[in-house]
Amino acid sequence: MTVTGMVKTSLIDYPGRVACVLFVPGCNYNCFYCHNRQLIAGSDGILQPDCITDFLEKRRGLLDGVVISGGEPTLQPDIVPFIEELREMGYSVKLDTNGSSPEVIQEVLKRGLCDFFAVDYKAPRLRYGEICGAGAEADKVLETIGMLLEGGSAFEVRTTVIPQLSEEDLITMARELPELPRYSLNLYRKPEKFLPEDAERVGKTPYTQAQLNILAGILREYQPNIRT
């Protein structure tokens, strides 16, 4: 398992738990507003596996869980055995994913390895390639979400409300999704690193929290468990 960064203690990344966050390199999306752009193509700053294991061994009883984020963790060929190791150490595991690998999620579910999932639904189905880059498919994300619902898993779906998403876009997304146990609308923040050709897009004026709250009220007709 390749890990390129770690937050040793987080109170916000895993609902209700004190957790360590591990970041993996590589992503099959190229969202113009990505806040972890340095991870998309990989990274030279690889943490040694022994360092991660030693840290987690020492933190037993102090940390409740481990969050695996990225990049896109499901691209890691040994993601399943790595989660198994974390579980054997007694940790609860949360997996952050863009939802593009339903076959990996299916294997994780079959083995009962993750306690919580966070899936990003980034755009209306017909705009996925525009927002997330060539090759991004909303249908795979919807398949992943359907698996989680069918399996009775604890999970949330998240949408970062970038300025390019209109009220009509958000209504479309809310209707494309099945009724969710938890749907989070997140404020957009301009990333520090972005491609030069995306400067105009990332510089658009973001929604305010008040505007986001109003949008949530509108979407609640389709997603009653929405939050901001």
Foldseek 3Di string as FASTA:
>chain_A
DWFQDKDLWDPPPDPPWTEIETEAAAAPWDFQQDQVNCRHVHDPRTDDPVVVVVSLLVCVVVGAAYEYYYRALLVDPCSQVVLVVRVVSPHAYEYEHQQQCLVSLVVCLVVVRHQEYEHEDEWQQVCQCVRTHPPDGNVSNLVNVVVCVVSVHHYEYEYEQFPVQDLVTVLNVLQVHAADQEYEYHYRDHHPDGDPVCVVRSPDDTDDPVRVVVSQVVSCVRHVRYDD
